[in-house]
Protein backbone atom coordinates (compact mmCIF):
# COMPACT_ATOMS: atom_id res chain seq x y z
CA MET A 1 0.02 -0.01 -0.12
CA ASN A 2 2.73 2.57 -0.92
CA GLY A 3 4.43 2.57 2.31
CA ILE A 4 1.42 2.81 4.76
CA SER A 5 -0.45 -0.15 6.31
CA ARG A 6 -4.06 -0.68 5.75
CA ARG A 7 -4.60 -0.10 9.78
CA SER A 8 -2.75 3.47 9.49
CA TRP A 9 -4.60 4.17 6.33
CA LEU A 10 -8.08 3.13 8.01
CA LYS A 11 -6.73 5.47 10.67
CA LYS A 12 -5.79 8.47 8.70
CA ILE A 13 -8.87 8.35 7.01
CA GLY A 14 -10.99 8.32 10.12
CA LEU A 15 -12.29 4.84 10.30
CA GLY A 16 -10.39 4.04 13.17
CA GLY A 17 -9.93 0.21 13.78
CA GLY A 18 -12.11 -0.58 10.79
CA VAL A 19 -16.03 0.12 9.38
CA THR A 20 -17.50 1.86 11.84
CA LEU A 21 -20.14 3.99 9.89
CA MET A 22 -22.09 1.35 8.24
CA SER A 23 -24.94 3.47 7.89
CA GLY A 24 -27.65 2.19 9.50
CA GLY A 25 -26.87 -1.74 9.16
CA LEU A 26 -27.50 -1.09 5.49
CA LEU A 27 -23.74 -2.21 4.71
CA SER A 28 -22.39 -5.31 5.90
CA PRO A 29 -19.06 -6.51 5.81
CA LEU A 30 -17.42 -9.18 4.21
CA SER A 31 -16.55 -12.49 5.26
CA ALA A 32 -13.34 -13.92 4.69
CA GLU A 33 -14.93 -16.38 2.32
CA GLU A 34 -16.46 -13.65 0.52
CA ILE A 35 -13.13 -11.65 0.19
CA LYS A 36 -11.33 -14.38 -1.23
CA LYS A 37 -14.23 -15.60 -3.94
CA TYR A 38 -15.09 -12.26 -4.93
CA ASN A 39 -11.75 -10.32 -4.37
CA PRO A 40 -12.98 -6.81 -3.19
CA ARG A 41 -10.21 -4.15 -3.98
CA PRO A 42 -8.09 -3.20 -1.09
CA LEU A 43 -9.03 0.32 0.90
CA GLU A 44 -6.51 2.50 -0.72
CA GLY A 45 -5.68 6.13 -1.16
CA PRO A 46 -6.64 8.02 -3.58
CA ILE A 47 -10.42 5.83 -3.34
CA ARG A 48 -11.85 5.87 -6.82
CA LEU A 49 -15.42 6.41 -6.90
CA GLY A 50 -15.87 8.27 -10.12
CA SER A 51 -15.57 5.63 -12.83
CA ASN A 52 -18.48 3.02 -12.33
CA GLU A 53 -16.11 0.34 -11.73
CA ASN A 54 -17.49 -2.96 -9.33
CA PRO A 55 -15.11 -2.72 -6.45
CA TYR A 56 -15.29 -6.46 -6.95
CA GLY A 57 -13.44 -8.96 -9.23
CA PRO A 58 -12.25 -10.66 -10.92
CA SER A 59 -13.74 -13.37 -9.15
CA GLU A 60 -11.91 -16.56 -7.84
CA LYS A 61 -13.27 -18.47 -10.95
CA MET A 62 -12.14 -16.17 -13.34
CA ARG A 63 -8.70 -15.25 -11.88
CA GLU A 64 -7.97 -19.51 -11.96
CA ALA A 65 -9.46 -19.31 -15.64
CA MET A 66 -6.71 -16.47 -16.47
CA ILE A 67 -3.83 -18.13 -14.44
CA ASN A 68 -4.36 -21.55 -15.89
CA ASN A 69 -4.13 -20.38 -19.52
CA PHE A 70 -1.67 -17.66 -18.78
CA ASP A 71 0.88 -20.20 -21.30
CA LEU A 72 -2.00 -19.67 -24.10
CA GLY A 73 -0.34 -16.15 -24.20
CA CYS A 74 1.84 -16.99 -26.94
CA ARG A 75 -1.01 -17.35 -29.57
CA TYR A 76 -2.62 -14.74 -31.10
CA PRO A 77 -6.35 -14.60 -29.85
CA TRP A 78 -8.46 -15.03 -32.44
CA ILE A 79 -8.66 -19.14 -32.96
CA TYR A 80 -9.87 -19.12 -29.07
CA ASN A 81 -12.90 -16.56 -29.82
CA SER A 82 -15.23 -19.58 -30.92
CA ASP A 83 -16.19 -21.00 -27.77
CA LEU A 84 -16.89 -17.76 -26.17
CA VAL A 85 -18.68 -16.00 -28.99
CA LYS A 86 -21.00 -19.79 -28.72
CA MET A 87 -21.51 -18.99 -25.05
CA ILE A 88 -22.82 -15.12 -25.87
CA SER A 89 -24.99 -16.14 -28.29
CA GLU A 90 -26.49 -18.56 -26.47
CA LYS A 91 -26.85 -16.11 -23.65
CA GLU A 92 -28.41 -13.18 -25.97
CA GLY A 93 -30.53 -15.94 -27.87
CA VAL A 94 -29.37 -15.30 -31.05
CA PRO A 95 -27.06 -16.92 -33.62
CA GLU A 96 -23.23 -16.95 -33.67
CA ASP A 97 -22.84 -14.36 -37.11
CA HIS A 98 -24.82 -11.76 -34.66
CA ILE A 99 -22.04 -11.43 -31.94
CA VAL A 100 -18.89 -9.18 -32.38
CA LEU A 101 -15.91 -9.51 -29.89
CA VAL A 102 -14.71 -6.06 -28.52
CA ALA A 103 -11.79 -4.71 -26.30
CA GLY A 104 -14.51 -3.51 -24.32
CA SER A 105 -17.64 -2.00 -25.17
CA THR A 106 -16.11 1.29 -25.51
CA GLU A 107 -14.20 0.05 -28.55
CA GLY A 108 -17.36 -1.37 -29.78
CA LEU A 109 -18.81 2.25 -29.68
CA LYS A 110 -16.07 4.11 -31.34
CA ILE A 111 -16.00 1.28 -34.23
CA THR A 112 -19.94 2.11 -34.74
CA GLY A 113 -19.39 5.78 -34.79
CA ILE A 114 -16.84 5.89 -37.60
CA THR A 115 -18.28 3.06 -39.58
CA PHE A 116 -22.25 4.71 -39.53
CA GLY A 117 -21.64 8.10 -38.98
CA GLN A 118 -18.87 9.32 -41.30
CA GLY A 119 -20.43 11.67 -44.28
CA GLY A 120 -23.79 12.31 -42.03
CA GLU A 121 -24.68 13.32 -38.62
CA ILE A 122 -25.16 11.22 -35.20
CA ILE A 123 -28.24 12.39 -32.97
CA SER A 124 -28.11 11.55 -29.09
CA CYS A 125 -28.91 13.47 -26.11
CA ALA A 126 -26.46 15.53 -23.56
CA PRO A 127 -25.26 14.77 -20.91
CA THR A 128 -24.55 10.75 -21.95
CA PHE A 129 -21.75 8.70 -22.12
CA LEU A 130 -19.51 10.16 -25.09
CA SER A 131 -17.08 8.07 -26.63
CA MET A 132 -19.02 7.13 -29.65
CA MET A 133 -19.63 10.77 -30.56
CA ASP A 134 -16.15 12.31 -29.22
CA TYR A 135 -14.28 9.54 -31.63
CA ALA A 136 -16.89 10.13 -34.60
CA GLU A 137 -16.51 13.80 -34.38
CA LEU A 138 -12.63 13.49 -35.20
CA TRP A 139 -13.49 11.93 -38.24
CA GLY A 140 -15.65 14.31 -39.87
CA THR A 141 -18.80 13.22 -38.08
CA ASP A 142 -21.60 16.01 -37.16
CA ILE A 143 -23.46 15.20 -33.89
CA ASN A 144 -26.77 16.80 -33.22
CA TRP A 145 -26.95 17.14 -29.67
CA VAL A 146 -30.63 16.79 -27.90
CA PRO A 147 -31.06 18.14 -24.62
CA LEU A 148 -32.38 15.71 -22.18
CA ASN A 149 -36.11 16.38 -21.12
CA LYS A 150 -37.29 18.20 -17.99
CA ASP A 151 -37.01 14.70 -16.40
CA LEU A 152 -33.48 14.04 -17.18
CA ASP A 153 -34.38 11.63 -19.99
CA PHE A 154 -33.87 11.09 -23.05
CA ASP A 155 -36.05 13.15 -25.09
CA LEU A 156 -37.30 10.37 -27.68
CA ASP A 157 -39.85 12.63 -29.51
CA GLU A 158 -37.41 15.31 -30.21
CA ILE A 159 -35.05 13.12 -31.46
CA GLU A 160 -37.50 11.42 -33.85
CA LYS A 161 -38.43 14.79 -35.15
CA ARG A 162 -35.10 15.70 -35.76
CA VAL A 163 -33.95 12.42 -37.97
CA SER A 164 -33.70 13.62 -41.65
CA TYR A 165 -31.32 12.00 -44.70
CA GLN A 166 -28.17 13.19 -43.10
CA THR A 167 -28.85 11.05 -39.93
CA ARG A 168 -26.55 8.07 -40.25
CA LEU A 169 -27.02 6.93 -36.54
CA VAL A 170 -29.09 7.43 -33.46
CA PHE A 171 -27.36 6.93 -30.11
CA LEU A 172 -29.26 5.61 -26.78
CA CYS A 173 -27.83 4.70 -23.27
CA ASN A 174 -30.43 2.71 -21.52
CA PRO A 175 -29.77 2.79 -18.36
CA ASN A 176 -28.56 6.60 -18.91
CA ASN A 177 -24.85 7.28 -18.08
CA PRO A 178 -24.89 9.66 -15.97
CA THR A 179 -28.28 9.83 -14.67
CA GLY A 180 -28.90 5.72 -14.14
CA LYS A 181 -32.42 6.38 -15.62
CA LEU A 182 -34.22 4.24 -17.61
CA LEU A 183 -36.51 4.74 -20.28
CA PRO A 184 -40.25 3.53 -20.31
CA ALA A 185 -40.21 0.18 -22.00
CA ASP A 186 -43.06 0.49 -24.54
CA ARG A 187 -42.13 3.96 -25.43
CA VAL A 188 -38.37 2.94 -26.11
CA MET A 189 -39.65 -0.06 -27.87
CA ASP A 190 -41.64 1.42 -30.16
CA PHE A 191 -39.16 4.31 -30.59
CA CYS A 192 -36.32 2.21 -31.95
CA GLU A 193 -38.62 0.15 -34.18
CA THR A 194 -39.93 3.08 -35.69
CA VAL A 195 -36.05 4.92 -36.19
CA SER A 196 -34.45 2.17 -37.27
CA LYS A 197 -36.81 1.98 -40.30
CA LYS A 198 -35.14 5.55 -41.22
CA THR A 199 -31.51 5.11 -39.68
CA VAL A 200 -29.04 2.82 -37.60
CA VAL A 201 -30.70 2.79 -33.66
CA PHE A 202 -27.37 1.90 -31.11
CA SER A 203 -28.86 0.71 -27.61
CA ASP A 204 -25.92 1.27 -25.17
CA GLU A 205 -26.61 -1.14 -22.49
CA ALA A 206 -23.52 -1.41 -20.55
CA TYR A 207 -25.77 -1.27 -17.13
CA TYR A 208 -28.27 -3.71 -18.38
CA ASP A 209 -27.69 -6.20 -15.57
CA TYR A 210 -28.61 -3.72 -12.82
CA ILE A 211 -31.99 -3.15 -14.43
CA THR A 212 -34.76 -4.11 -11.26
CA GLU A 213 -37.81 -3.67 -13.46
CA PRO A 214 -39.49 -6.90 -14.16
CA ASN A 215 -39.49 -8.34 -17.76
CA TYR A 216 -37.92 -4.84 -19.45
CA PRO A 217 -37.20 -5.58 -22.82
CA SER A 218 -33.28 -5.37 -24.43
CA MET A 219 -33.45 -4.08 -27.87
CA VAL A 220 -31.95 -7.29 -29.07
CA GLU A 221 -35.27 -8.26 -29.60
CA LEU A 222 -35.62 -6.22 -32.05
CA VAL A 223 -32.05 -7.21 -33.80
CA LYS A 224 -33.68 -10.77 -33.64
CA LYS A 225 -36.36 -9.23 -35.99
CA GLY A 226 -33.88 -8.41 -38.58
CA MET A 227 -33.96 -4.54 -37.75
CA ASP A 228 -31.21 -1.94 -38.06
CA VAL A 229 -30.64 -2.27 -34.48
CA ILE A 230 -27.01 -2.56 -32.52
CA VAL A 231 -26.98 -3.29 -28.98
CA SER A 232 -23.61 -3.33 -26.81
CA ARG A 233 -22.78 -4.91 -24.00
CA THR A 234 -19.67 -5.12 -21.36
CA PHE A 235 -18.03 -7.46 -19.16
CA SER A 236 -16.73 -4.50 -17.31
CA LYS A 237 -19.72 -3.78 -15.05
CA VAL A 238 -21.61 -6.40 -13.17
CA TYR A 239 -18.46 -9.28 -14.05
CA GLY A 240 -16.08 -7.08 -12.51
CA LEU A 241 -13.88 -7.10 -15.73
CA ALA A 242 -13.18 -3.62 -16.84
CA GLY A 243 -9.42 -3.88 -16.59
CA ILE A 244 -9.45 -6.93 -18.74
CA ARG A 245 -11.06 -5.13 -21.55
CA LEU A 246 -14.36 -7.32 -23.11
CA GLY A 247 -17.11 -6.40 -24.35
CA TYR A 248 -19.91 -7.29 -27.59
CA LEU A 249 -21.95 -5.79 -30.20
CA ILE A 250 -25.07 -7.54 -31.08
CA ALA A 251 -26.64 -6.66 -34.84
CA ARG A 252 -27.89 -8.32 -37.78
CA PRO A 253 -25.23 -10.58 -39.92
CA ALA A 254 -24.84 -7.73 -42.19
CA LEU A 255 -24.33 -5.17 -40.13
CA ALA A 256 -22.19 -7.23 -37.65
CA GLN A 257 -19.82 -8.05 -40.67
CA LYS A 258 -19.28 -4.37 -41.49
CA LEU A 259 -18.35 -3.62 -37.90
CA ARG A 260 -16.22 -6.68 -37.55
CA GLU A 261 -13.94 -5.32 -40.10
CA ARG A 262 -13.44 -2.10 -38.09
CA VAL A 263 -12.47 -3.90 -34.88
CA VAL A 264 -9.32 -2.23 -34.23
CA ALA A 265 -7.95 -3.93 -30.43
CA ASN A 266 -9.40 -7.46 -30.81
CA THR A 267 -9.85 -9.27 -27.32
CA ASN A 268 -6.87 -11.35 -25.90
CA ILE A 269 -6.36 -14.45 -24.40
CA MET A 270 -7.11 -13.70 -20.78
CA ALA A 271 -9.96 -11.75 -21.77
CA ILE A 272 -11.58 -14.53 -23.66
CA GLU A 273 -10.94 -17.09 -20.79
CA ALA A 274 -11.84 -14.66 -18.07
CA GLY A 275 -15.31 -14.07 -19.90
CA LYS A 276 -15.89 -17.86 -20.17
CA ALA A 277 -15.41 -17.98 -16.84
CA ALA A 278 -17.65 -15.30 -15.62
CA LEU A 279 -20.66 -16.48 -17.67
CA GLN A 280 -20.51 -20.19 -15.86
CA ASP A 281 -20.05 -18.06 -12.20
CA PRO A 282 -23.51 -17.19 -11.06
CA ASP A 283 -22.70 -16.80 -7.69
CA PHE A 284 -19.99 -13.74 -8.61
CA TYR A 285 -23.19 -12.19 -10.87
CA LYS A 286 -25.38 -12.43 -7.68
CA PHE A 287 -22.84 -11.18 -4.94
CA SER A 288 -21.94 -8.00 -7.71
CA LEU A 289 -25.69 -7.34 -8.01
CA GLU A 290 -26.80 -7.66 -4.34
CA LYS A 291 -23.46 -5.55 -3.18
CA THR A 292 -24.40 -2.98 -5.38
CA THR A 293 -28.05 -2.52 -3.97
CA GLU A 294 -26.63 -2.93 -0.66
CA ALA A 295 -24.18 0.48 -1.44
CA LYS A 296 -26.67 2.42 -3.60
CA ASN A 297 -29.35 1.92 -0.88
CA ALA A 298 -26.69 3.17 2.18
CA ILE A 299 -25.76 6.15 -0.21
CA ILE A 300 -29.73 7.16 -0.50
CA GLN A 301 -29.98 6.87 2.89
CA THR A 302 -27.24 9.74 3.55
CA LEU A 303 -28.92 11.85 0.58
CA GLU A 304 -32.47 11.64 2.12
CA GLU A 305 -30.76 12.52 5.57
CA LEU A 306 -29.13 15.58 3.84
CA LYS A 307 -32.09 16.06 2.04
CA ARG A 308 -30.25 16.16 -1.28
CA PRO A 309 -32.57 15.13 -4.22
CA TYR A 310 -31.02 12.34 -6.53
CA LEU A 311 -32.55 10.46 -9.25
CA ASP A 312 -33.45 6.27 -9.22
CA SER A 313 -30.68 4.60 -10.40
CA HIS A 314 -30.76 1.23 -12.33
CA ALA A 315 -27.19 1.02 -12.80
CA ASN A 316 -24.05 1.17 -10.16
CA PHE A 317 -23.90 4.50 -9.44
CA VAL A 318 -26.28 7.27 -8.36
CA PHE A 319 -26.99 10.94 -9.34
CA PHE A 320 -27.84 13.46 -6.84
CA GLN A 321 -27.94 17.38 -6.62
CA SER A 322 -25.34 18.64 -4.38
CA GLY A 323 -26.03 21.90 -4.31
CA LYS A 324 -22.44 22.58 -5.09
CA ASP A 325 -20.72 23.43 -7.97
CA ILE A 326 -18.98 19.80 -9.51
CA LYS A 327 -15.67 21.13 -9.47
CA GLU A 328 -15.88 22.90 -5.97
CA LEU A 329 -17.01 19.54 -4.71
CA ASN A 330 -14.41 17.13 -6.40
CA LYS A 331 -11.72 19.67 -4.75
CA ALA A 332 -13.33 19.07 -1.24
CA PHE A 333 -13.39 15.10 -1.99
CA ALA A 334 -9.76 15.35 -3.61
CA ASP A 335 -9.02 16.91 -0.75
CA ARG A 336 -9.83 14.05 1.71
CA GLY A 337 -8.30 11.68 -0.65
CA MET A 338 -11.71 10.26 -2.52
CA ILE A 339 -12.09 10.93 -6.30
CA ILE A 340 -15.68 11.52 -7.38
CA GLY A 341 -17.69 11.82 -10.85
CA ARG A 342 -16.57 14.42 -13.54
CA PRO A 343 -18.73 17.28 -14.60
CA PHE A 344 -21.61 16.43 -16.73
CA PRO A 345 -22.27 19.86 -18.05
CA PRO A 346 -25.25 21.57 -17.75
CA LEU A 347 -26.02 19.62 -14.80
CA ASN A 348 -22.98 21.45 -13.09
CA ASP A 349 -24.51 21.33 -9.71
CA TRP A 350 -24.98 17.42 -9.75
CA CYS A 351 -22.81 14.53 -8.49
CA ARG A 352 -22.28 10.82 -9.97
CA ILE A 353 -20.73 8.85 -7.43
CA SER A 354 -20.27 5.20 -8.12
CA THR A 355 -20.76 2.29 -5.74
CA GLY A 356 -18.12 0.80 -4.04
CA THR A 357 -16.77 -1.26 -0.95
CA PRO A 358 -18.74 -1.06 2.04
CA GLU A 359 -15.65 0.70 3.76
CA GLU A 360 -15.44 2.98 0.43
CA VAL A 361 -19.28 3.68 0.44
CA ALA A 362 -19.22 4.31 4.83
CA LEU A 363 -15.97 7.13 3.92
CA PHE A 364 -17.98 9.06 1.26
CA ASN A 365 -20.94 8.93 3.19
CA LYS A 366 -18.87 10.43 5.87
CA HIS A 367 -17.14 12.92 3.41
CA LEU A 368 -20.39 13.92 2.36
CA LYS A 369 -22.17 14.78 5.50
CA GLU A 370 -18.74 16.90 6.22
CA ILE A 371 -18.97 18.78 2.96
CA LEU A 372 -22.59 19.71 2.90
CA THR A 373 -23.75 20.28 6.70
């Protein structure tokens, strides 16, 4: 820990001999078995709660899979992709030729942007996850930005009005980052079905696993119907593999082939083996969801105590209105050894805070009370 013991670190940041700030019992410390199986990140400074990373993982099973296949590191990875592609196709209920493996869903967003966006425009709302639009803009694509509506949702009506002969792609992030909000199921399905008859629709579903609404549809259902819809998924969030870089796109074969030809980074042996193990580790999947819910509830309890507005989140973060400029809030937390979410203009007095381990969340709650009271 960079020359400082964990006990000294806990004392320095104000947690004494352990986690004593467990937010009304909502946060429970991990057992020795959970620590071994699920690999929580150590409490080290600076504590990073600004990137929506899973504080757990890779799980014991994923680590073992990578270690056991380390000798394959001398091989090119593409001949080993087929087993993982087959597992993903079975999970998503589509043929294997609908799956495009990428080195993290961010690569999938970028290659989609330059594949379909060049020579025209991409329409999306702001704020949202920017990787596709920022990258496509470098290659000459115009970005037609639509503000979120008064409820801080994607303004589907306004997007639909703006679709024209120049529109090459419409980008949705659902649940959205940074708000964590989920679009109404019937409305988003109808929107994607209608708009995909005019242009390609991209549905970023990086946080789909965290959705709590029963039977909420993925836009994969429209891909199955042969529509011009592309869906992205990632192993970075619920599976805890953000540093391994693995994701995939789902699209009808003609679109998938165009995307496959643009893949740059490709996957690697460790990512392939970790992904296969992740899909066969339901215990870790369930644990990740349970601990994310615990952490969100503890953060929300603090926000309610402080009477700070927040949005219902279907992701692994909470978006709340602090009443302070985000740059000022960032500095206050940085001075206490913690990194929180970046600015999301024009919502400059809102903050996105990622869920963390029980110790990290307890510490965030402590600092927030100190700063806002």
